[in-house]
N, C-alpha and C. Protein backbone atom coordinates (compact mmCIF):
# COMPACT_ATOMS: atom_id res chain seq x y z
N MET A 1 80.30 24.79 3.40
CA MET A 1 80.45 25.81 4.42
C MET A 1 81.88 26.31 4.44
N ALA A 2 82.06 27.60 4.36
CA ALA A 2 83.40 28.16 4.34
C ALA A 2 84.10 27.91 5.65
N ALA A 3 85.41 27.70 5.59
CA ALA A 3 86.17 27.40 6.81
C ALA A 3 86.40 28.66 7.62
N SER A 4 85.84 28.66 8.80
CA SER A 4 86.08 29.73 9.77
C SER A 4 85.74 29.16 11.11
N ARG A 5 86.11 29.83 12.18
CA ARG A 5 85.82 29.26 13.48
C ARG A 5 85.60 30.34 14.51
N ALA A 6 84.88 29.98 15.53
CA ALA A 6 84.68 30.87 16.66
C ALA A 6 84.76 30.05 17.92
N ILE A 7 85.41 30.58 18.93
CA ILE A 7 85.52 29.85 20.19
C ILE A 7 85.55 30.83 21.33
N LEU A 8 84.72 30.58 22.33
CA LEU A 8 84.71 31.38 23.55
C LEU A 8 84.76 30.41 24.71
N VAL A 9 85.76 30.55 25.59
CA VAL A 9 85.93 29.63 26.69
C VAL A 9 86.37 30.38 27.93
N PRO A 10 86.21 29.75 29.12
CA PRO A 10 86.68 30.41 30.33
C PRO A 10 88.19 30.34 30.46
N ALA A 11 88.73 31.17 31.35
CA ALA A 11 90.17 31.30 31.47
C ALA A 11 90.85 30.01 31.87
N ALA A 12 90.12 29.08 32.49
CA ALA A 12 90.72 27.80 32.90
C ALA A 12 91.24 27.00 31.72
N LEU A 13 90.74 27.30 30.51
CA LEU A 13 91.16 26.55 29.33
C LEU A 13 92.20 27.30 28.53
N ILE A 14 93.07 28.05 29.19
CA ILE A 14 94.06 28.85 28.49
C ILE A 14 94.95 28.01 27.59
N GLY A 15 95.19 26.76 27.95
CA GLY A 15 96.03 25.91 27.12
C GLY A 15 95.29 25.29 25.97
N VAL A 16 93.98 25.47 25.91
CA VAL A 16 93.18 24.84 24.87
C VAL A 16 92.78 25.83 23.79
N ALA A 17 92.37 27.03 24.19
CA ALA A 17 91.86 27.96 23.19
C ALA A 17 91.87 29.37 23.73
N ALA A 18 91.23 30.29 22.99
CA ALA A 18 91.18 31.69 23.38
C ALA A 18 90.43 31.84 24.70
N ILE A 19 90.53 32.99 25.34
CA ILE A 19 90.05 33.14 26.71
C ILE A 19 88.91 34.14 26.80
N VAL A 20 87.76 33.66 27.25
CA VAL A 20 86.67 34.54 27.61
C VAL A 20 85.93 33.87 28.75
N SER A 21 85.67 34.57 29.80
CA SER A 21 84.96 33.99 30.94
C SER A 21 83.58 34.60 31.03
N VAL A 22 82.57 33.73 31.12
CA VAL A 22 81.20 34.19 31.25
C VAL A 22 80.58 33.46 32.42
N ILE A 23 80.07 34.19 33.40
CA ILE A 23 79.46 33.59 34.57
C ILE A 23 77.98 33.96 34.57
N GLY A 24 77.13 32.97 34.58
CA GLY A 24 75.70 33.21 34.50
C GLY A 24 75.08 33.47 35.85
N VAL A 25 73.79 33.78 35.82
CA VAL A 25 73.09 34.14 37.05
C VAL A 25 71.87 33.27 37.27
N GLY A 26 71.69 32.22 36.45
CA GLY A 26 70.51 31.36 36.58
C GLY A 26 70.72 30.25 37.59
N GLY A 27 70.07 29.10 37.33
CA GLY A 27 70.07 28.02 38.29
C GLY A 27 71.20 27.02 38.15
N HIS A 28 72.20 27.31 37.34
CA HIS A 28 73.29 26.36 37.13
C HIS A 28 74.65 26.98 37.48
N ALA A 29 74.67 27.86 38.45
CA ALA A 29 75.90 28.55 38.81
C ALA A 29 77.00 27.56 39.13
N GLY A 30 78.16 27.78 38.52
CA GLY A 30 79.31 26.92 38.75
C GLY A 30 79.38 25.71 37.87
N GLN A 31 78.33 25.44 37.09
CA GLN A 31 78.31 24.28 36.20
C GLN A 31 78.77 24.69 34.80
N THR A 32 79.51 23.81 34.17
CA THR A 32 80.08 24.10 32.85
C THR A 32 79.41 23.27 31.77
N VAL A 33 79.07 23.91 30.68
CA VAL A 33 78.56 23.22 29.50
C VAL A 33 79.46 23.55 28.32
N VAL A 34 79.86 22.53 27.59
CA VAL A 34 80.67 22.69 26.39
C VAL A 34 79.78 22.47 25.18
N VAL A 35 79.82 23.39 24.23
CA VAL A 35 79.07 23.26 22.98
C VAL A 35 80.06 23.30 21.83
N VAL A 36 80.09 22.25 21.02
CA VAL A 36 80.96 22.22 19.85
C VAL A 36 80.11 21.97 18.61
N GLY A 37 80.61 22.44 17.46
CA GLY A 37 79.83 22.22 16.24
C GLY A 37 80.47 22.83 15.03
N ASP A 38 79.69 22.88 13.96
CA ASP A 38 80.15 23.41 12.68
C ASP A 38 79.79 24.89 12.56
N SER A 39 79.48 25.35 11.35
CA SER A 39 79.24 26.78 11.17
C SER A 39 77.98 27.27 11.85
N LEU A 40 77.01 26.39 12.12
CA LEU A 40 75.83 26.83 12.85
C LEU A 40 76.22 27.28 14.25
N THR A 41 77.15 26.54 14.84
CA THR A 41 77.66 26.92 16.17
C THR A 41 78.60 28.11 16.07
N ALA A 42 79.49 28.09 15.06
CA ALA A 42 80.47 29.17 14.91
C ALA A 42 79.77 30.52 14.74
N ALA A 43 78.77 30.56 13.87
CA ALA A 43 78.09 31.82 13.59
C ALA A 43 77.22 32.27 14.76
N GLY A 44 76.75 31.31 15.56
CA GLY A 44 75.85 31.64 16.64
C GLY A 44 76.50 31.68 18.00
N THR A 45 77.84 31.75 18.04
CA THR A 45 78.56 31.68 19.30
C THR A 45 78.05 32.68 20.33
N SER A 46 77.94 33.94 19.96
CA SER A 46 77.53 34.98 20.92
C SER A 46 76.12 34.73 21.44
N GLU A 47 75.20 34.36 20.55
CA GLU A 47 73.82 34.13 20.95
C GLU A 47 73.70 32.90 21.86
N ILE A 48 74.40 31.83 21.50
CA ILE A 48 74.37 30.62 22.33
C ILE A 48 74.95 30.90 23.71
N MET A 49 76.07 31.62 23.73
CA MET A 49 76.70 31.99 25.00
C MET A 49 75.73 32.78 25.87
N ALA A 50 75.05 33.75 25.27
CA ALA A 50 74.17 34.63 26.04
C ALA A 50 73.01 33.85 26.66
N VAL A 51 72.39 32.95 25.88
CA VAL A 51 71.25 32.19 26.39
C VAL A 51 71.68 31.28 27.53
N LEU A 52 72.81 30.58 27.36
CA LEU A 52 73.25 29.63 28.38
C LEU A 52 73.74 30.36 29.63
N ALA A 53 74.43 31.47 29.44
CA ALA A 53 74.91 32.23 30.60
C ALA A 53 73.74 32.79 31.40
N ALA A 54 72.69 33.22 30.72
CA ALA A 54 71.51 33.73 31.42
C ALA A 54 70.83 32.65 32.25
N ASP A 55 71.06 31.39 31.88
CA ASP A 55 70.49 30.26 32.62
C ASP A 55 71.43 29.80 33.74
N GLY A 56 72.55 30.50 33.90
CA GLY A 56 73.46 30.21 34.99
C GLY A 56 74.67 29.37 34.62
N TRP A 57 74.74 28.89 33.38
CA TRP A 57 75.86 28.04 32.96
C TRP A 57 77.12 28.84 32.72
N LYS A 58 78.25 28.18 32.87
CA LYS A 58 79.53 28.69 32.39
C LYS A 58 79.77 28.02 31.04
N PRO A 59 79.39 28.70 29.94
CA PRO A 59 79.44 28.04 28.63
C PRO A 59 80.79 28.15 27.94
N ILE A 60 81.17 27.07 27.29
CA ILE A 60 82.34 27.03 26.41
C ILE A 60 81.80 26.70 25.03
N VAL A 61 81.97 27.58 24.08
CA VAL A 61 81.41 27.39 22.75
C VAL A 61 82.54 27.38 21.72
N ASP A 62 82.61 26.31 20.95
CA ASP A 62 83.69 26.14 19.97
C ASP A 62 83.09 25.68 18.66
N GLY A 63 83.10 26.54 17.65
CA GLY A 63 82.55 26.20 16.35
C GLY A 63 83.59 26.27 15.25
N VAL A 64 83.62 25.26 14.39
CA VAL A 64 84.53 25.24 13.24
C VAL A 64 83.70 25.03 11.98
N SER A 65 83.61 26.04 11.15
CA SER A 65 82.81 25.95 9.94
C SER A 65 83.34 24.87 9.01
N GLY A 66 82.42 24.10 8.46
CA GLY A 66 82.80 23.04 7.53
C GLY A 66 83.18 21.74 8.20
N SER A 67 83.24 21.72 9.52
CA SER A 67 83.65 20.49 10.20
C SER A 67 82.51 19.48 10.23
N SER A 68 82.88 18.24 10.51
CA SER A 68 81.91 17.16 10.50
C SER A 68 82.32 16.09 11.51
N MET A 69 81.44 15.15 11.75
CA MET A 69 81.78 14.08 12.69
C MET A 69 82.80 13.11 12.08
N THR A 70 82.74 12.91 10.77
CA THR A 70 83.67 11.98 10.11
C THR A 70 84.94 12.65 9.62
N ASN A 71 84.97 13.99 9.64
CA ASN A 71 86.08 14.76 9.07
C ASN A 71 86.32 14.36 7.62
N ARG A 72 85.24 14.12 6.90
CA ARG A 72 85.33 13.65 5.52
C ARG A 72 85.98 14.67 4.60
N ASN A 73 85.90 15.95 4.93
CA ASN A 73 86.50 16.99 4.10
C ASN A 73 87.85 17.47 4.63
N GLN A 74 88.36 16.77 5.64
CA GLN A 74 89.66 17.10 6.22
C GLN A 74 89.73 18.55 6.70
N VAL A 75 88.64 19.01 7.32
CA VAL A 75 88.58 20.38 7.83
C VAL A 75 89.09 20.44 9.26
N PHE A 76 88.60 19.53 10.11
CA PHE A 76 88.99 19.57 11.52
C PHE A 76 88.65 18.23 12.15
N ASP A 77 89.60 17.69 12.92
CA ASP A 77 89.38 16.44 13.64
C ASP A 77 89.06 16.79 15.09
N TRP A 78 87.84 16.50 15.51
CA TRP A 78 87.36 16.92 16.83
C TRP A 78 87.85 16.04 17.97
N ARG A 79 88.46 14.91 17.71
CA ARG A 79 88.76 13.97 18.79
C ARG A 79 89.69 14.55 19.84
N ASP A 80 90.78 15.16 19.42
CA ASP A 80 91.71 15.71 20.40
C ASP A 80 91.10 16.89 21.16
N ARG A 81 90.33 17.71 20.46
CA ARG A 81 89.71 18.86 21.13
C ARG A 81 88.71 18.41 22.19
N LEU A 82 87.92 17.39 21.85
CA LEU A 82 86.96 16.88 22.82
C LEU A 82 87.64 16.24 24.01
N ALA A 83 88.76 15.56 23.76
CA ALA A 83 89.52 14.99 24.87
C ALA A 83 90.05 16.08 25.79
N ALA A 84 90.48 17.20 25.20
CA ALA A 84 90.98 18.31 26.01
C ALA A 84 89.86 18.93 26.83
N PHE A 85 88.69 19.10 26.24
CA PHE A 85 87.56 19.63 26.99
C PHE A 85 87.13 18.67 28.10
N ALA A 86 87.12 17.37 27.80
CA ALA A 86 86.69 16.38 28.78
C ALA A 86 87.60 16.37 30.00
N ALA A 87 88.87 16.71 29.81
CA ALA A 87 89.82 16.72 30.92
C ALA A 87 89.44 17.74 31.99
N PHE A 88 88.64 18.74 31.62
CA PHE A 88 88.20 19.75 32.58
C PHE A 88 86.86 19.39 33.23
N ARG A 89 86.39 18.17 32.97
CA ARG A 89 85.21 17.62 33.63
C ARG A 89 83.96 18.52 33.51
N PRO A 90 83.53 18.83 32.30
CA PRO A 90 82.31 19.62 32.15
C PRO A 90 81.10 18.81 32.62
N ASP A 91 80.06 19.50 33.03
CA ASP A 91 78.85 18.83 33.47
C ASP A 91 78.05 18.28 32.29
N VAL A 92 78.06 19.01 31.19
CA VAL A 92 77.33 18.62 29.99
C VAL A 92 78.16 18.98 28.76
N VAL A 93 78.10 18.13 27.74
CA VAL A 93 78.70 18.45 26.44
C VAL A 93 77.60 18.37 25.39
N VAL A 94 77.52 19.37 24.54
CA VAL A 94 76.55 19.41 23.45
C VAL A 94 77.32 19.39 22.14
N ILE A 95 76.93 18.50 21.23
CA ILE A 95 77.60 18.37 19.93
C ILE A 95 76.61 18.68 18.82
N GLU A 96 76.97 19.64 17.99
CA GLU A 96 76.15 20.01 16.82
C GLU A 96 77.00 19.71 15.58
N LEU A 97 77.01 18.44 15.19
CA LEU A 97 77.75 17.99 14.01
C LEU A 97 76.88 17.01 13.23
N GLY A 98 77.00 17.03 11.92
CA GLY A 98 76.23 16.13 11.08
C GLY A 98 75.78 16.76 9.78
N THR A 99 75.68 18.09 9.75
CA THR A 99 75.25 18.78 8.54
C THR A 99 76.20 18.53 7.38
N ASN A 100 77.49 18.43 7.67
CA ASN A 100 78.49 18.25 6.61
C ASN A 100 78.88 16.79 6.41
N ASP A 101 78.11 15.89 7.01
CA ASP A 101 78.38 14.46 6.85
C ASP A 101 77.48 13.87 5.77
N CYS A 102 77.77 12.63 5.42
CA CYS A 102 77.03 11.97 4.35
C CYS A 102 76.67 10.57 4.79
N GLY A 103 75.38 10.29 4.78
CA GLY A 103 74.93 8.97 5.20
C GLY A 103 74.95 7.93 4.11
N ASN A 104 75.18 8.34 2.87
CA ASN A 104 75.15 7.38 1.75
C ASN A 104 76.40 7.45 0.89
N CYS A 105 77.52 7.86 1.48
CA CYS A 105 78.77 7.99 0.72
C CYS A 105 79.80 6.92 1.09
N GLY A 106 79.38 5.95 1.86
CA GLY A 106 80.32 4.92 2.28
C GLY A 106 81.11 5.29 3.52
N ASP A 107 80.84 6.44 4.11
CA ASP A 107 81.52 6.84 5.33
C ASP A 107 81.02 5.99 6.50
N ASP A 108 81.91 5.64 7.40
CA ASP A 108 81.52 4.88 8.59
C ASP A 108 81.09 5.87 9.67
N VAL A 109 79.85 6.31 9.57
CA VAL A 109 79.34 7.31 10.48
C VAL A 109 79.31 6.78 11.91
N ALA A 110 78.93 5.52 12.08
CA ALA A 110 78.86 4.96 13.42
C ALA A 110 80.23 4.96 14.09
N ALA A 111 81.27 4.60 13.33
CA ALA A 111 82.63 4.60 13.89
C ALA A 111 83.07 6.00 14.25
N ALA A 112 82.66 6.99 13.42
CA ALA A 112 83.02 8.38 13.70
C ALA A 112 82.35 8.86 14.98
N ILE A 113 81.09 8.50 15.16
CA ILE A 113 80.39 8.87 16.39
C ILE A 113 81.09 8.26 17.60
N ASP A 114 81.44 7.00 17.49
CA ASP A 114 82.13 6.33 18.60
C ASP A 114 83.47 6.98 18.89
N GLY A 115 84.16 7.42 17.83
CA GLY A 115 85.45 8.06 18.03
C GLY A 115 85.34 9.37 18.78
N LEU A 116 84.23 10.08 18.59
CA LEU A 116 84.03 11.34 19.30
C LEU A 116 83.46 11.11 20.70
N MET A 117 82.71 10.04 20.87
CA MET A 117 82.14 9.75 22.18
C MET A 117 83.16 9.15 23.13
N ARG A 118 84.16 8.48 22.60
CA ARG A 118 85.11 7.78 23.47
C ARG A 118 85.76 8.71 24.51
N PRO A 119 86.28 9.88 24.12
CA PRO A 119 86.86 10.76 25.14
C PRO A 119 85.81 11.39 26.07
N LEU A 120 84.53 11.24 25.73
CA LEU A 120 83.45 11.82 26.54
C LEU A 120 82.73 10.76 27.37
N ARG A 121 83.30 9.58 27.46
CA ARG A 121 82.60 8.47 28.11
C ARG A 121 82.35 8.72 29.59
N HIS A 122 83.14 9.60 30.21
CA HIS A 122 82.94 9.88 31.64
C HIS A 122 82.16 11.16 31.89
N VAL A 123 81.74 11.84 30.83
CA VAL A 123 80.90 13.03 30.98
C VAL A 123 79.48 12.56 31.29
N ARG A 124 78.86 13.18 32.27
CA ARG A 124 77.55 12.72 32.73
C ARG A 124 76.50 12.73 31.63
N ARG A 125 76.43 13.83 30.87
CA ARG A 125 75.44 13.94 29.79
C ARG A 125 76.09 14.50 28.55
N VAL A 126 75.84 13.84 27.43
CA VAL A 126 76.24 14.33 26.12
C VAL A 126 74.98 14.43 25.28
N LEU A 127 74.70 15.63 24.78
CA LEU A 127 73.53 15.86 23.93
C LEU A 127 74.01 16.13 22.51
N TRP A 128 73.55 15.32 21.57
CA TRP A 128 73.96 15.47 20.16
C TRP A 128 72.75 15.93 19.37
N LEU A 129 72.89 17.01 18.63
CA LEU A 129 71.79 17.57 17.85
C LEU A 129 71.75 16.94 16.46
N THR A 130 70.56 16.61 16.00
CA THR A 130 70.43 16.00 14.69
C THR A 130 70.70 17.00 13.58
N ALA A 131 71.00 16.46 12.40
CA ALA A 131 71.16 17.30 11.21
C ALA A 131 69.77 17.71 10.70
N GLN A 132 69.70 18.89 10.09
CA GLN A 132 68.46 19.30 9.45
C GLN A 132 68.23 18.40 8.23
N THR A 133 67.01 17.94 8.07
CA THR A 133 66.73 16.99 7.00
C THR A 133 66.20 17.63 5.72
N ARG A 134 65.88 18.91 5.77
CA ARG A 134 65.31 19.56 4.59
C ARG A 134 66.25 20.62 4.01
N VAL A 135 67.53 20.34 4.07
CA VAL A 135 68.51 21.25 3.50
C VAL A 135 69.37 20.48 2.51
N ARG A 136 69.96 21.19 1.55
CA ARG A 136 70.72 20.53 0.50
C ARG A 136 72.13 20.15 0.92
N THR A 137 72.64 20.79 1.96
CA THR A 137 74.03 20.53 2.34
C THR A 137 74.21 19.10 2.82
N ALA A 138 73.33 18.63 3.67
CA ALA A 138 73.47 17.29 4.23
C ALA A 138 73.08 16.24 3.18
N LEU A 139 73.91 15.22 2.99
CA LEU A 139 73.63 14.13 2.08
C LEU A 139 73.10 12.96 2.89
N ASP A 140 71.82 12.63 2.63
CA ASP A 140 71.14 11.58 3.38
C ASP A 140 71.22 11.83 4.88
N PRO A 141 70.75 12.99 5.33
CA PRO A 141 70.82 13.30 6.76
C PRO A 141 69.98 12.36 7.61
N VAL A 142 68.95 11.73 7.02
CA VAL A 142 68.13 10.80 7.77
C VAL A 142 68.98 9.63 8.26
N SER A 143 69.88 9.15 7.40
CA SER A 143 70.77 8.06 7.81
C SER A 143 71.76 8.51 8.87
N VAL A 144 72.23 9.75 8.75
CA VAL A 144 73.12 10.31 9.77
C VAL A 144 72.39 10.35 11.11
N ASN A 145 71.16 10.82 11.10
CA ASN A 145 70.40 10.92 12.34
C ASN A 145 70.08 9.54 12.92
N GLU A 146 69.82 8.58 12.04
CA GLU A 146 69.55 7.23 12.52
C GLU A 146 70.80 6.63 13.18
N ALA A 147 71.97 6.92 12.61
CA ALA A 147 73.22 6.45 13.22
C ALA A 147 73.39 7.05 14.61
N LEU A 148 72.99 8.30 14.78
CA LEU A 148 73.04 8.92 16.11
C LEU A 148 72.08 8.22 17.07
N ARG A 149 70.87 7.93 16.60
CA ARG A 149 69.90 7.27 17.47
C ARG A 149 70.43 5.91 17.92
N GLN A 150 71.00 5.16 16.98
CA GLN A 150 71.52 3.84 17.33
C GLN A 150 72.69 3.95 18.31
N ALA A 151 73.44 5.04 18.23
CA ALA A 151 74.59 5.21 19.11
C ALA A 151 74.18 5.37 20.57
N THR A 152 72.93 5.79 20.82
CA THR A 152 72.49 5.95 22.21
C THR A 152 72.43 4.60 22.93
N VAL A 153 72.34 3.52 22.18
CA VAL A 153 72.35 2.19 22.79
C VAL A 153 73.76 1.83 23.25
N ARG A 154 74.76 2.23 22.46
CA ARG A 154 76.15 1.92 22.81
C ARG A 154 76.70 2.86 23.87
N TRP A 155 76.15 4.09 23.93
CA TRP A 155 76.68 5.10 24.84
C TRP A 155 75.54 5.58 25.74
N PRO A 156 75.43 5.06 26.94
CA PRO A 156 74.29 5.39 27.82
C PRO A 156 74.24 6.85 28.26
N ASN A 157 75.34 7.58 28.13
CA ASN A 157 75.33 9.00 28.51
C ASN A 157 74.95 9.90 27.34
N LEU A 158 74.64 9.30 26.18
CA LEU A 158 74.33 10.07 24.98
C LEU A 158 72.83 10.23 24.79
N GLU A 159 72.40 11.45 24.51
CA GLU A 159 71.02 11.75 24.15
C GLU A 159 71.02 12.45 22.80
N VAL A 160 69.98 12.21 22.01
CA VAL A 160 69.87 12.82 20.70
C VAL A 160 68.67 13.76 20.70
N LEU A 161 68.91 15.02 20.36
CA LEU A 161 67.85 16.02 20.32
C LEU A 161 67.58 16.42 18.87
N ASP A 162 66.32 16.46 18.51
CA ASP A 162 65.93 16.66 17.11
C ASP A 162 65.93 18.15 16.74
N MET A 163 67.13 18.67 16.50
CA MET A 163 67.27 20.06 16.08
C MET A 163 66.57 20.31 14.75
N GLY A 164 66.64 19.32 13.84
CA GLY A 164 66.01 19.50 12.54
C GLY A 164 64.53 19.79 12.64
N ALA A 165 63.84 19.04 13.51
CA ALA A 165 62.41 19.25 13.68
C ALA A 165 62.12 20.62 14.29
N TYR A 166 63.01 21.07 15.16
CA TYR A 166 62.82 22.36 15.83
C TYR A 166 62.98 23.52 14.84
N LEU A 167 63.96 23.41 13.94
CA LEU A 167 64.24 24.50 13.01
C LEU A 167 63.36 24.45 11.77
N ASP A 168 62.83 23.28 11.45
CA ASP A 168 62.05 23.11 10.23
C ASP A 168 60.79 23.99 10.28
N GLY A 169 60.49 24.60 9.14
CA GLY A 169 59.30 25.43 9.04
C GLY A 169 59.47 26.84 9.56
N HIS A 170 60.73 27.22 9.79
CA HIS A 170 61.00 28.59 10.27
C HIS A 170 62.01 29.28 9.36
N PRO A 171 61.59 29.65 8.16
CA PRO A 171 62.51 30.35 7.26
C PRO A 171 62.99 31.67 7.83
N GLU A 172 62.22 32.25 8.75
CA GLU A 172 62.62 33.53 9.34
C GLU A 172 63.83 33.36 10.26
N TRP A 173 64.19 32.14 10.60
CA TRP A 173 65.37 31.88 11.42
C TRP A 173 66.61 31.62 10.58
N HIS A 174 66.41 31.43 9.28
CA HIS A 174 67.51 31.03 8.40
C HIS A 174 67.98 32.19 7.52
N THR A 175 69.22 32.06 7.05
CA THR A 175 69.71 32.97 6.04
C THR A 175 69.17 32.52 4.69
N ALA A 176 69.55 33.23 3.63
CA ALA A 176 68.99 32.96 2.31
C ALA A 176 69.28 31.55 1.81
N ASP A 177 70.37 30.92 2.28
CA ASP A 177 70.69 29.58 1.77
C ASP A 177 69.83 28.49 2.40
N GLY A 178 69.04 28.84 3.41
CA GLY A 178 68.15 27.87 4.02
C GLY A 178 68.83 26.89 4.96
N VAL A 179 70.14 27.02 5.12
CA VAL A 179 70.91 26.11 5.97
C VAL A 179 71.39 26.83 7.23
N HIS A 180 72.07 27.95 7.01
CA HIS A 180 72.65 28.68 8.14
C HIS A 180 71.58 29.52 8.84
N LEU A 181 71.91 29.95 10.03
CA LEU A 181 70.96 30.67 10.85
C LEU A 181 71.34 32.14 10.96
N ASN A 182 70.32 32.99 10.97
CA ASN A 182 70.57 34.41 11.22
C ASN A 182 70.62 34.63 12.73
N GLU A 183 70.66 35.89 13.15
CA GLU A 183 70.79 36.18 14.57
C GLU A 183 69.61 35.63 15.37
N MET A 184 68.41 35.78 14.81
CA MET A 184 67.23 35.25 15.49
C MET A 184 67.32 33.73 15.59
N GLY A 185 67.72 33.09 14.50
CA GLY A 185 67.84 31.64 14.50
C GLY A 185 68.90 31.14 15.45
N SER A 186 70.00 31.87 15.55
CA SER A 186 71.07 31.48 16.47
C SER A 186 70.59 31.56 17.92
N SER A 187 69.79 32.58 18.22
CA SER A 187 69.21 32.67 19.57
C SER A 187 68.26 31.51 19.83
N GLU A 188 67.49 31.14 18.81
CA GLU A 188 66.60 29.99 18.95
C GLU A 188 67.39 28.70 19.15
N LEU A 189 68.52 28.58 18.46
CA LEU A 189 69.37 27.41 18.66
C LEU A 189 69.87 27.37 20.10
N GLY A 190 70.26 28.53 20.63
CA GLY A 190 70.67 28.59 22.02
C GLY A 190 69.56 28.16 22.96
N ARG A 191 68.33 28.59 22.69
CA ARG A 191 67.20 28.21 23.54
C ARG A 191 66.92 26.72 23.43
N PHE A 192 67.06 26.18 22.23
CA PHE A 192 66.86 24.74 22.04
C PHE A 192 67.86 23.94 22.86
N ILE A 193 69.11 24.38 22.83
CA ILE A 193 70.15 23.71 23.61
C ILE A 193 69.85 23.84 25.11
N ARG A 194 69.50 25.05 25.54
CA ARG A 194 69.19 25.28 26.95
C ARG A 194 68.04 24.39 27.40
N ASN A 195 66.97 24.32 26.60
CA ASN A 195 65.81 23.52 26.97
C ASN A 195 66.16 22.04 27.02
N GLY A 196 67.03 21.62 26.10
CA GLY A 196 67.44 20.23 26.11
C GLY A 196 68.22 19.87 27.36
N ILE A 197 69.10 20.77 27.77
CA ILE A 197 69.89 20.53 28.98
C ILE A 197 68.99 20.53 30.21
N ASP A 198 68.04 21.45 30.24
CA ASP A 198 67.18 21.58 31.41
C ASP A 198 66.12 20.50 31.51
N SER A 199 65.88 19.77 30.43
CA SER A 199 64.88 18.69 30.46
C SER A 199 65.50 17.43 31.04
N PRO A 200 64.67 16.54 31.59
CA PRO A 200 65.18 15.27 32.11
C PRO A 200 65.83 14.48 30.97
N PRO A 201 66.81 13.64 31.29
CA PRO A 201 67.44 12.81 30.25
C PRO A 201 66.39 12.04 29.46
N SER A 202 66.59 11.97 28.14
CA SER A 202 65.63 11.30 27.28
C SER A 202 65.80 9.79 27.37
N ARG A 203 64.77 9.06 26.96
CA ARG A 203 64.82 7.60 26.93
C ARG A 203 65.89 7.14 25.95
N VAL A 204 66.67 6.16 26.34
CA VAL A 204 67.71 5.64 25.47
C VAL A 204 67.12 5.17 24.15
N GLY A 205 67.73 5.57 23.05
CA GLY A 205 67.26 5.14 21.74
C GLY A 205 66.20 6.02 21.13
N ALA A 206 65.78 7.07 21.84
CA ALA A 206 64.70 7.91 21.35
C ALA A 206 65.22 9.23 20.83
N LEU A 207 64.65 9.68 19.73
CA LEU A 207 64.91 11.03 19.25
C LEU A 207 63.92 11.94 19.96
N SER A 208 64.40 12.77 20.85
CA SER A 208 63.51 13.61 21.63
C SER A 208 63.56 15.04 21.15
N SER A 209 62.43 15.55 20.73
CA SER A 209 62.37 16.93 20.27
C SER A 209 62.05 17.83 21.46
N VAL A 210 62.90 18.82 21.70
CA VAL A 210 62.73 19.71 22.84
C VAL A 210 62.37 21.09 22.32
N ILE A 211 61.20 21.57 22.64
CA ILE A 211 60.73 22.86 22.13
C ILE A 211 60.43 23.78 23.31
C-alpha cells in the first residue's frame, strides 16, 4: 500500500492533527468516536465521517496508508497517536489495522496488539476490525485475526468485529486489486463500523460479525 494519509478531527485536537469539526444529528450527539487505520481508512475518510456523523457521532478519522499494528514496514508507529487521542477521552475507538501485518513472519503480533491497547485501557469500548482473509496483501491473516480474538481475553474493553466476513463476496465494493475499497465500499465500511458501535458489546473472546 502506497504511503499516504488522511485525517479529519474536531478543533479540540488542534495539537494532534489537522482541524475539521463535524457534528452529527443522530442519537449520539456530543459523543466522540475515533477511527484509525491503514489505507482502507485513509481512502474512505469522507465516507466513514459522513456515516458516523449522520448517526450523531463526532467522528475523528485518521488513516495512514501502509501502516500496521506491528509497524513491520516502519511506516507509522500508532502508539503515540493513540495515546494522544485517548487523552481526549473518546467514547469509542475503532481500529482498522492488520491488512499489512504478517501472522507467519515471526512478528510478535500479540505484543503489538498489547502495545496499541495499553494507551486505550481506560476507553470504554475499543472495536478492532479483522483483516480480510481472501486478499493477497495480508500474510496469514487468519493468524492475525486469531491473535486479535485472543487479545479480547487480556483486554476486557476490546471487541473484535469480522470486517473480512462483511466485505467478502462483494467485488463491487472493491477496486481492481481486490483489497482496497471504492466509494461504495468505503460507505459500506462506514456502515459496518456504525452498526458495530450501535450493537451491544460482543461476548469476550468472540469474533462477532455485524451486518
